[in-house]
C-alpha atoms as a PDB file:
ATOM      1  CA  MET A   1      -1.871   5.035  -2.496  1.00  0.00           C
ATOM      2  CA  LEU A   2      -1.728   8.252  -4.496  1.00  0.00           C
ATOM      3  CA  PHE A   3      -4.168   9.925  -6.858  1.00  0.00           C
ATOM      4  CA  ASN A   4      -1.461  11.937  -8.649  1.00  0.00           C
ATOM      5  CA  GLU A   5       2.288  12.350  -8.402  1.00  0.00           C
ATOM      6  CA  PRO A   6       3.191  15.036  -5.821  1.00  0.00           C
ATOM      7  CA  PRO A   7       5.202  18.106  -6.900  1.00  0.00           C
ATOM      8  CA  TYR A   8       8.979  18.044  -6.724  1.00  0.00           C
ATOM      9  CA  THR A   9      10.705  19.692  -3.752  1.00  0.00           C
ATOM     10  CA  GLN A  10      14.302  20.550  -2.954  1.00  0.00           C
ATOM     11  CA  TRP A  11      14.185  18.025  -0.101  1.00  0.00           C
ATOM     12  CA  ASP A  12      13.301  15.033  -2.275  1.00  0.00           C
ATOM     13  CA  LEU A  13      15.560  11.994  -1.963  1.00  0.00           C
ATOM     14  CA  HIS A  14      16.489  10.415  -5.308  1.00  0.00           C
ATOM     15  CA  PHE A  15      18.121   7.055  -5.989  1.00  0.00           C
ATOM     16  CA  VAL A  16      17.944   4.148  -8.436  1.00  0.00           C
ATOM     17  CA  LEU A  17      17.058   0.603  -7.348  1.00  0.00           C
ATOM     18  CA  LEU A  18      17.311  -2.329  -9.796  1.00  0.00           C
ATOM     19  CA  GLY A  19      17.407   0.202 -12.610  1.00  0.00           C
ATOM     20  CA  ILE A  20      14.178   1.882 -11.427  1.00  0.00           C
ATOM     21  CA  PRO A  21      14.247   5.600 -10.452  1.00  0.00           C
ATOM     22  CA  VAL A  22      12.899   6.231  -6.948  1.00  0.00           C
ATOM     23  CA  ARG A  23      11.884   9.606  -5.508  1.00  0.00           C
ATOM     24  CA  VAL A  24      11.088   9.968  -1.806  1.00  0.00           C
ATOM     25  CA  HIS A  25       8.965  13.020  -1.032  1.00  0.00           C
ATOM     26  CA  PRO A  26       9.632  14.561   2.421  1.00  0.00           C
ATOM     27  CA  PHE A  27       5.968  14.066   3.326  1.00  0.00           C
ATOM     28  CA  LEU A  28       6.712  10.330   3.670  1.00  0.00           C
ATOM     29  CA  TRP A  29       9.060  11.029   6.586  1.00  0.00           C
ATOM     30  CA  LEU A  30       6.646  13.531   8.146  1.00  0.00           C
ATOM     31  CA  VAL A  31       3.644  11.193   8.121  1.00  0.00           C
ATOM     32  CA  ALA A  32       5.737   8.241   9.351  1.00  0.00           C
ATOM     33  CA  VAL A  33       7.070  10.341  12.246  1.00  0.00           C
ATOM     34  CA  LEU A  34       3.595  11.597  13.167  1.00  0.00           C
ATOM     35  CA  LEU A  35       2.171   8.065  13.179  1.00  0.00           C
ATOM     36  CA  GLY A  36       5.169   6.678  15.046  1.00  0.00           C
ATOM     37  CA  THR A  37       5.062   9.387  17.704  1.00  0.00           C
ATOM     38  CA  TRP A  38       1.729   8.037  19.017  1.00  0.00           C
ATOM     39  CA  GLY A  39       3.295   4.775  20.175  1.00  0.00           C
ATOM     40  CA  SER A  40       6.953   5.742  20.367  1.00  0.00           C
ATOM     41  CA  GLY A  41       8.985   5.127  23.488  1.00  0.00           C
ATOM     42  CA  GLY A  42      11.882   7.336  22.427  1.00  0.00           C
ATOM     43  CA  ALA A  43      14.046   8.445  19.524  1.00  0.00           C
ATOM     44  CA  TRP A  44      15.456   5.025  18.572  1.00  0.00           C
ATOM     45  CA  PRO A  45      12.094   3.201  18.461  1.00  0.00           C
ATOM     46  CA  LEU A  46      10.703   6.083  16.384  1.00  0.00           C
ATOM     47  CA  LEU A  47      13.662   5.878  13.985  1.00  0.00           C
ATOM     48  CA  SER A  48      13.123   2.103  13.757  1.00  0.00           C
ATOM     49  CA  TRP A  49       9.448   2.652  12.894  1.00  0.00           C
ATOM     50  CA  VAL A  50      10.260   5.208  10.172  1.00  0.00           C
ATOM     51  CA  ALA A  51      12.830   2.832   8.650  1.00  0.00           C
ATOM     52  CA  ALA A  52      10.291  -0.030   8.703  1.00  0.00           C
ATOM     53  CA  VAL A  53       7.656   2.112   6.973  1.00  0.00           C
ATOM     54  CA  PHE A  54      10.161   3.218   4.329  1.00  0.00           C
ATOM     55  CA  LEU A  55      11.392  -0.322   3.620  1.00  0.00           C
ATOM     56  CA  SER A  56       7.927  -1.902   3.535  1.00  0.00           C
ATOM     57  CA  ILE A  57       6.370   0.699   1.244  1.00  0.00           C
ATOM     58  CA  LEU A  58       9.428   0.681  -1.017  1.00  0.00           C
ATOM     59  CA  ILE A  59       9.184  -3.107  -1.435  1.00  0.00           C
ATOM     60  CA  HIS A  60       5.440  -2.772  -2.127  1.00  0.00           C
ATOM     61  CA  GLU A  61       6.001  -0.229  -4.904  1.00  0.00           C
ATOM     62  CA  LEU A  62       8.972  -2.203  -6.232  1.00  0.00           C
ATOM     63  CA  GLY A  63       6.610  -5.142  -6.741  1.00  0.00           C
ATOM     64  CA  HIS A  64       4.415  -2.958  -8.952  1.00  0.00           C
ATOM     65  CA  ALA A  65       7.436  -1.612 -10.811  1.00  0.00           C
ATOM     66  CA  LEU A  66       8.959  -5.005 -11.593  1.00  0.00           C
ATOM     67  CA  ALA A  67       5.603  -6.302 -12.834  1.00  0.00           C
ATOM     68  CA  MET A  68       5.262  -3.196 -15.033  1.00  0.00           C
ATOM     69  CA  ARG A  69       8.753  -3.701 -16.426  1.00  0.00           C
ATOM     70  CA  SER A  70       7.921  -7.302 -17.338  1.00  0.00           C
ATOM     71  CA  TYR A  71       5.357  -5.849 -19.754  1.00  0.00           C
ATOM     72  CA  GLY A  72       7.877  -3.513 -21.351  1.00  0.00           C
ATOM     73  CA  PHE A  73       7.156  -0.353 -19.353  1.00  0.00           C
ATOM     74  CA  SER A  74       9.841   1.916 -17.930  1.00  0.00           C
ATOM     75  CA  PRO A  75       8.510   2.481 -14.402  1.00  0.00           C
ATOM     76  CA  SER A  76       9.408   5.031 -11.763  1.00  0.00           C
ATOM     77  CA  ILE A  77       8.478   5.139  -8.077  1.00  0.00           C
ATOM     78  CA  VAL A  78       7.414   7.990  -5.818  1.00  0.00           C
ATOM     79  CA  LEU A  79       7.046   7.444  -2.060  1.00  0.00           C
ATOM     80  CA  TYR A  80       4.784   9.961  -0.388  1.00  0.00           C
ATOM     81  CA  GLY A  81       2.737  10.132   2.814  1.00  0.00           C
ATOM     82  CA  MET A  82       1.674   6.631   3.869  1.00  0.00           C
ATOM     83  CA  GLY A  83       1.899   5.223   0.387  1.00  0.00           C
ATOM     84  CA  GLY A  84       3.387   5.601  -3.030  1.00  0.00           C
ATOM     85  CA  LEU A  85       2.848   5.685  -6.742  1.00  0.00           C
ATOM     86  CA  THR A  86       4.482   3.564  -9.425  1.00  0.00           C
ATOM     87  CA  SER A  87       4.012   4.844 -12.934  1.00  0.00           C
ATOM     88  CA  PHE A  88       5.676   5.226 -16.302  1.00  0.00           C
ATOM     89  CA  GLY A  89       6.164   8.828 -17.371  1.00  0.00           C
ATOM     90  CA  PRO A  90       6.333  10.494 -20.774  1.00  0.00           C
ATOM     91  CA  GLY A  91       9.695   8.861 -21.388  1.00  0.00           C
ATOM     92  CA  GLY A  92       8.410   5.365 -20.702  1.00  0.00           C
ATOM     93  CA  THR A  93       7.490   2.984 -23.507  1.00  0.00           C
ATOM     94  CA  SER A  94       5.694  -0.319 -23.695  1.00  0.00           C
ATOM     95  CA  ARG A  95       6.408  -3.044 -26.230  1.00  0.00           C
ATOM     96  CA  ARG A  96       3.101  -4.748 -25.533  1.00  0.00           C
ATOM     97  CA  GLY A  97      -0.049  -3.870 -23.666  1.00  0.00           C
ATOM     98  CA  PRO A  98      -0.701  -5.837 -20.476  1.00  0.00           C
ATOM     99  CA  GLY A  99      -4.428  -6.416 -21.048  1.00  0.00           C
ATOM    100  CA  ALA A 100      -6.964  -6.858 -18.249  1.00  0.00           C
ATOM    101  CA  TRP A 101      -5.188  -9.772 -16.565  1.00  0.00           C
ATOM    102  CA  GLY A 102      -1.859  -7.977 -16.879  1.00  0.00           C
ATOM    103  CA  HIS A 103      -3.314  -4.950 -15.073  1.00  0.00           C
ATOM    104  CA  VAL A 104      -4.599  -7.288 -12.354  1.00  0.00           C
ATOM    105  CA  LEU A 105      -1.123  -8.814 -12.020  1.00  0.00           C
ATOM    106  CA  ILE A 106       0.528  -5.386 -11.829  1.00  0.00           C
ATOM    107  CA  SER A 107      -1.918  -4.275  -9.122  1.00  0.00           C
ATOM    108  CA  ALA A 108      -1.540  -7.506  -7.132  1.00  0.00           C
ATOM    109  CA  ALA A 109       2.264  -7.449  -7.369  1.00  0.00           C
ATOM    110  CA  GLY A 110       2.558  -4.663  -4.772  1.00  0.00           C
ATOM    111  CA  PRO A 111       0.802  -6.473  -1.912  1.00  0.00           C
ATOM    112  CA  GLY A 112       2.376  -9.712  -3.135  1.00  0.00           C
ATOM    113  CA  ALA A 113       5.871  -8.262  -2.763  1.00  0.00           C
ATOM    114  CA  GLY A 114       5.099  -7.216   0.795  1.00  0.00           C
ATOM    115  CA  PHE A 115       3.752 -10.666   1.650  1.00  0.00           C
ATOM    116  CA  LEU A 116       6.845 -12.271   0.113  1.00  0.00           C
ATOM    117  CA  LEU A 117       9.090 -10.002   2.201  1.00  0.00           C
ATOM    118  CA  ALA A 118       7.224 -10.985   5.369  1.00  0.00           C
ATOM    119  CA  ALA A 119       7.329 -14.688   4.409  1.00  0.00           C
ATOM    120  CA  ALA A 120      11.074 -14.508   3.713  1.00  0.00           C
ATOM    121  CA  ILE A 121      11.727 -12.856   7.093  1.00  0.00           C
ATOM    122  CA  VAL A 122       9.581 -15.437   8.904  1.00  0.00           C
ATOM    123  CA  ALA A 123      11.332 -18.313   7.094  1.00  0.00           C
ATOM    124  CA  ALA A 124      14.785 -16.912   7.906  1.00  0.00           C
ATOM    125  CA  LEU A 125      13.860 -16.421  11.565  1.00  0.00           C
ATOM    126  CA  ARG A 126      12.466 -19.936  11.926  1.00  0.00           C
ATOM    127  CA  LEU A 127      15.486 -21.473  10.181  1.00  0.00           C
ATOM    128  CA  SER A 128      17.721 -19.624  12.646  1.00  0.00           C
ATOM    129  CA  GLY A 129      15.797 -21.080  15.578  1.00  0.00           C
ATOM    130  CA  HIS A 130      13.559 -18.142  16.492  1.00  0.00           C
ATOM    131  CA  GLN A 131       9.882 -18.464  17.271  1.00  0.00           C
ATOM    132  CA  VAL A 132       7.406 -16.506  15.143  1.00  0.00           C
ATOM    133  CA  LEU A 133       3.667 -16.449  15.757  1.00  0.00           C
ATOM    134  CA  VAL A 134       1.195 -16.029  12.888  1.00  0.00           C
ATOM    135  CA  LEU A 135      -2.203 -15.453  14.479  1.00  0.00           C
ATOM    136  CA  PRO A 136      -5.599 -14.097  13.502  1.00  0.00           C
ATOM    137  CA  GLY A 137      -6.169 -10.684  15.016  1.00  0.00           C
ATOM    138  CA  LEU A 138      -7.628  -7.231  14.563  1.00  0.00           C
ATOM    139  CA  PRO A 139      -7.532  -4.775  12.918  1.00  0.00           C
ATOM    140  CA  MET A 140      -5.928  -6.380   9.842  1.00  0.00           C
ATOM    141  CA  GLY A 141      -7.123  -9.954  10.291  1.00  0.00           C
ATOM    142  CA  VAL A 142      -3.677 -11.445  10.957  1.00  0.00           C
ATOM    143  CA  MET A 143      -0.745 -10.693  13.240  1.00  0.00           C
ATOM    144  CA  VAL A 144       2.884 -11.804  12.824  1.00  0.00           C
ATOM    145  CA  LEU A 145       4.991 -11.463  15.952  1.00  0.00           C
ATOM    146  CA  LEU A 146       8.382 -12.573  17.222  1.00  0.00           C
ATOM    147  CA  ARG A 147       8.241 -14.486  20.513  1.00  0.00           C
ATOM    148  CA  ASP A 148      11.905 -14.031  21.383  1.00  0.00           C
ATOM    149  CA  GLU A 149      14.629 -11.439  20.964  1.00  0.00           C
ATOM    150  CA  VAL A 150      16.752 -11.243  17.802  1.00  0.00           C
ATOM    151  CA  GLY A 151      20.124  -9.614  18.426  1.00  0.00           C
ATOM    152  CA  SER A 152      18.825  -6.669  20.439  1.00  0.00           C
ATOM    153  CA  PRO A 153      15.508  -5.146  21.526  1.00  0.00           C
ATOM    154  CA  LEU A 154      15.836  -2.472  18.817  1.00  0.00           C
ATOM    155  CA  LEU A 155      16.429  -5.013  16.023  1.00  0.00           C
ATOM    156  CA  THR A 156      13.573  -7.161  17.319  1.00  0.00           C
ATOM    157  CA  ASP A 157      11.279  -4.130  17.325  1.00  0.00           C
ATOM    158  CA  PHE A 158      12.353  -3.228  13.784  1.00  0.00           C
ATOM    159  CA  ILE A 159      11.646  -6.755  12.495  1.00  0.00           C
ATOM    160  CA  ASN A 160       8.216  -6.770  14.147  1.00  0.00           C
ATOM    161  CA  GLN A 161       7.414  -3.395  12.588  1.00  0.00           C
ATOM    162  CA  VAL A 162       8.520  -4.500   9.112  1.00  0.00           C
ATOM    163  CA  LEU A 163       6.357  -7.607   9.432  1.00  0.00           C
ATOM    164  CA  TRP A 164       3.378  -5.592  10.635  1.00  0.00           C
ATOM    165  CA  VAL A 165       3.589  -2.868   7.967  1.00  0.00           C
ATOM    166  CA  SER A 166       4.292  -5.327   5.127  1.00  0.00           C
ATOM    167  CA  VAL A 167       1.315  -7.526   6.002  1.00  0.00           C
ATOM    168  CA  ALA A 168      -1.073  -4.760   7.082  1.00  0.00           C
ATOM    169  CA  TRP A 169      -0.312  -2.511   4.109  1.00  0.00           C
ATOM    170  CA  GLY A 170      -0.819  -5.427   1.727  1.00  0.00           C
ATOM    171  CA  ILE A 171      -4.153  -6.400   3.280  1.00  0.00           C
ATOM    172  CA  VAL A 172      -5.423  -2.808   3.252  1.00  0.00           C
ATOM    173  CA  ASN A 173      -4.391  -2.387  -0.370  1.00  0.00           C
ATOM    174  CA  LEU A 174      -6.315  -5.498  -1.428  1.00  0.00           C
ATOM    175  CA  LEU A 175      -9.621  -4.034  -0.234  1.00  0.00           C
ATOM    176  CA  PRO A 176     -11.894  -3.245  -3.242  1.00  0.00           C
ATOM    177  CA  VAL A 177     -11.656   0.503  -2.646  1.00  0.00           C
ATOM    178  CA  PHE A 178     -10.398   2.843  -5.356  1.00  0.00           C
ATOM    179  CA  PRO A 179      -7.565   3.872  -5.836  1.00  0.00           C
ATOM    180  CA  LEU A 180      -6.143   1.049  -3.688  1.00  0.00           C
ATOM    181  CA  ASP A 181      -4.768  -1.973  -5.502  1.00  0.00           C
ATOM    182  CA  GLY A 182      -7.884  -3.974  -4.658  1.00  0.00           C
ATOM    183  CA  GLY A 183     -10.015  -1.241  -6.197  1.00  0.00           C
ATOM    184  CA  GLN A 184      -7.907  -1.371  -9.350  1.00  0.00           C
ATOM    185  CA  ILE A 185      -8.255  -5.167  -9.474  1.00  0.00           C
ATOM    186  CA  ALA A 186     -12.036  -4.982  -8.954  1.00  0.00           C
ATOM    187  CA  ARG A 187     -12.323  -2.422 -11.757  1.00  0.00           C
ATOM    188  CA  GLN A 188     -10.415  -4.613 -14.217  1.00  0.00           C
ATOM    189  CA  LEU A 189     -12.460  -7.710 -13.346  1.00  0.00           C
ATOM    190  CA  LEU A 190     -15.776  -5.853 -13.565  1.00  0.00           C
ATOM    191  CA  LEU A 191     -14.757  -4.231 -16.854  1.00  0.00           C
ATOM    192  CA  LYS A 192     -13.853  -7.638 -18.252  1.00  0.00           C
ATOM    193  CA  ALA A 193     -17.224  -9.042 -17.161  1.00  0.00           C
ATOM    194  CA  ASN A 194     -19.199  -5.971 -18.246  1.00  0.00           C
ATOM    195  CA  PRO A 195     -17.247  -3.542 -20.498  1.00  0.00           C
ATOM    196  CA  TRP A 196     -20.167  -1.103 -20.712  1.00  0.00           C
ATOM    197  CA  ASP A 197     -20.882  -0.742 -17.002  1.00  0.00           C
ATOM    198  CA  GLY A 198     -17.782  -2.021 -15.207  1.00  0.00           C
ATOM    199  CA  ILE A 199     -16.428   1.377 -14.197  1.00  0.00           C
ATOM    200  CA  ARG A 200     -19.728   2.452 -12.616  1.00  0.00           C
ATOM    201  CA  GLN A 201     -20.032  -0.874 -10.825  1.00  0.00           C
ATOM    202  CA  SER A 202     -16.469  -0.643  -9.514  1.00  0.00           C
ATOM    203  CA  LEU A 203     -17.069   2.857  -8.125  1.00  0.00           C
ATOM    204  CA  ILE A 204     -20.272   1.748  -6.395  1.00  0.00           C
ATOM    205  CA  LEU A 205     -18.439  -1.248  -4.908  1.00  0.00           C
ATOM    206  CA  SER A 206     -15.615   1.050  -3.811  1.00  0.00           C
ATOM    207  CA  MET A 207     -18.010   3.472  -2.121  1.00  0.00           C
ATOM    208  CA  VAL A 208     -19.967   0.719  -0.326  1.00  0.00           C
ATOM    209  CA  ALA A 209     -16.793  -1.041   0.816  1.00  0.00           C
ATOM    210  CA  ALA A 210     -15.216   2.197   2.094  1.00  0.00           C
ATOM    211  CA  ILE A 211     -18.352   3.193   4.024  1.00  0.00           C
ATOM    212  CA  SER A 212     -18.536  -0.299   5.541  1.00  0.00           C
ATOM    213  CA  ILE A 213     -14.932   0.003   6.729  1.00  0.00           C
ATOM    214  CA  VAL A 214     -15.681   3.425   8.244  1.00  0.00           C
ATOM    215  CA  VAL A 215     -18.528   1.905  10.262  1.00  0.00           C
ATOM    216  CA  ILE A 216     -16.367  -1.041  11.389  1.00  0.00           C
ATOM    217  CA  ALA A 217     -13.518   1.303  12.326  1.00  0.00           C
ATOM    218  CA  LEU A 218     -15.762   3.536  14.447  1.00  0.00           C
ATOM    219  CA  VAL A 219     -17.970   0.886  16.059  1.00  0.00           C
ATOM    220  CA  ALA A 220     -15.724  -2.171  16.456  1.00  0.00           C
ATOM    221  CA  LEU A 221     -12.156  -0.884  16.299  1.00  0.00           C
ATOM    222  CA  ARG A 222     -12.585   2.619  17.772  1.00  0.00           C
ATOM    223  CA  ASP A 223      -9.950   3.725  15.260  1.00  0.00           C
ATOM    224  CA  PHE A 224     -10.547   7.289  14.106  1.00  0.00           C
ATOM    225  CA  TYR A 225      -7.559   7.288  11.726  1.00  0.00           C
ATOM    226  CA  ILE A 226      -8.860   4.316   9.705  1.00  0.00           C
ATOM    227  CA  ALA A 227     -12.340   5.866   9.687  1.00  0.00           C
ATOM    228  CA  LEU A 228     -10.980   9.185   8.451  1.00  0.00           C
ATOM    229  CA  MET A 229      -8.872   7.595   5.716  1.00  0.00           C
ATOM    230  CA  PHE A 230     -11.670   5.435   4.346  1.00  0.00           C
ATOM    231  CA  GLY A 231     -14.179   8.241   4.749  1.00  0.00           C
ATOM    232  CA  ALA A 232     -12.023  10.292   2.383  1.00  0.00           C
ATOM    233  CA  LEU A 233     -11.813   7.356  -0.030  1.00  0.00           C
ATOM    234  CA  ALA A 234     -15.598   6.887   0.132  1.00  0.00           C
ATOM    235  CA  TYR A 235     -16.076  10.525  -0.833  1.00  0.00           C
ATOM    236  CA  PHE A 236     -13.525  10.190  -3.637  1.00  0.00           C
ATOM    237  CA  SER A 237     -15.446   7.220  -5.040  1.00  0.00           C
ATOM    238  CA  TYR A 238     -18.743   9.127  -4.741  1.00  0.00           C
ATOM    239  CA  ALA A 239     -17.309  12.185  -6.508  1.00  0.00           C
ATOM    240  CA  ALA A 240     -15.772  10.005  -9.230  1.00  0.00           C
ATOM    241  CA  LEU A 241     -19.104   8.212  -9.704  1.00  0.00           C
ATOM    242  CA  GLN A 242     -20.961  11.505 -10.058  1.00  0.00           C
ATOM    243  CA  ALA A 243     -18.363  12.817 -12.503  1.00  0.00           C
ATOM    244  CA  TYR A 244     -18.594   9.584 -14.500  1.00  0.00           C
ATOM    245  CA  ARG A 245     -22.354  10.040 -14.715  1.00  0.00           C
ATOM    246  CA  GLY A 246     -21.801  13.571 -16.001  1.00  0.00           C
ATOM    247  CA  ARG A 247     -22.772  15.446 -12.860  1.00  0.00           C
ATOM    248  CA  GLY A 248     -20.831  17.393 -10.262  1.00  0.00           C
ATOM    249  CA  PRO A 249     -19.976  15.959  -6.834  1.00  0.00           C
ATOM    250  CA  TRP A 250     -23.211  17.276  -5.379  1.00  0.00           C
END
């Protein structure tokens, strides 16, 4: 979930995965550590959490990248903060445009990859005789939890964290809030239905949805972090709507 690609730093981690360049900005590690510190019981659980965040977000962005490449793009991935950005830079080329439904597929491929990762882990655990619960629950609407230990407490904790981040991050990204994947999907669908007014409609939907989530987070969940994040997204949608109408943010 990035608006623009962050600047390069000397501490960036670079590697190539399935032929796709990946850059990890140090802010990813910082945010993961800060979030993990709240519930951490020591150094190893915190390290397990950071690894789970890295793996889950990488798989999410890899889903976008592989879908992009299927349309002829040359994608690259940047992981930053609690999210990432998959794009094709000046050197990238496309043999054919994806069209509205192609853009929807590319946007949906990120959450889809995370759900597939979680499903594969659950299937492997059940085939190996372990018990996995899939239950409705707040704040994301569904919870996936191991009922028994796998190998060691640390490995069990890591698996639970990967399942939680993969599912939760996918659900959050499918909300119709821009620039989340769900916001991108809503924009494409509204543009297809109404080419002249789809962008304005998508920004209004984004703003209303984000404000609604802020209210739910504060009143029902008592989660200030979710409220703060979606409050910022609500303002971004409002400012974008005003700019689209030809006025400043105020």
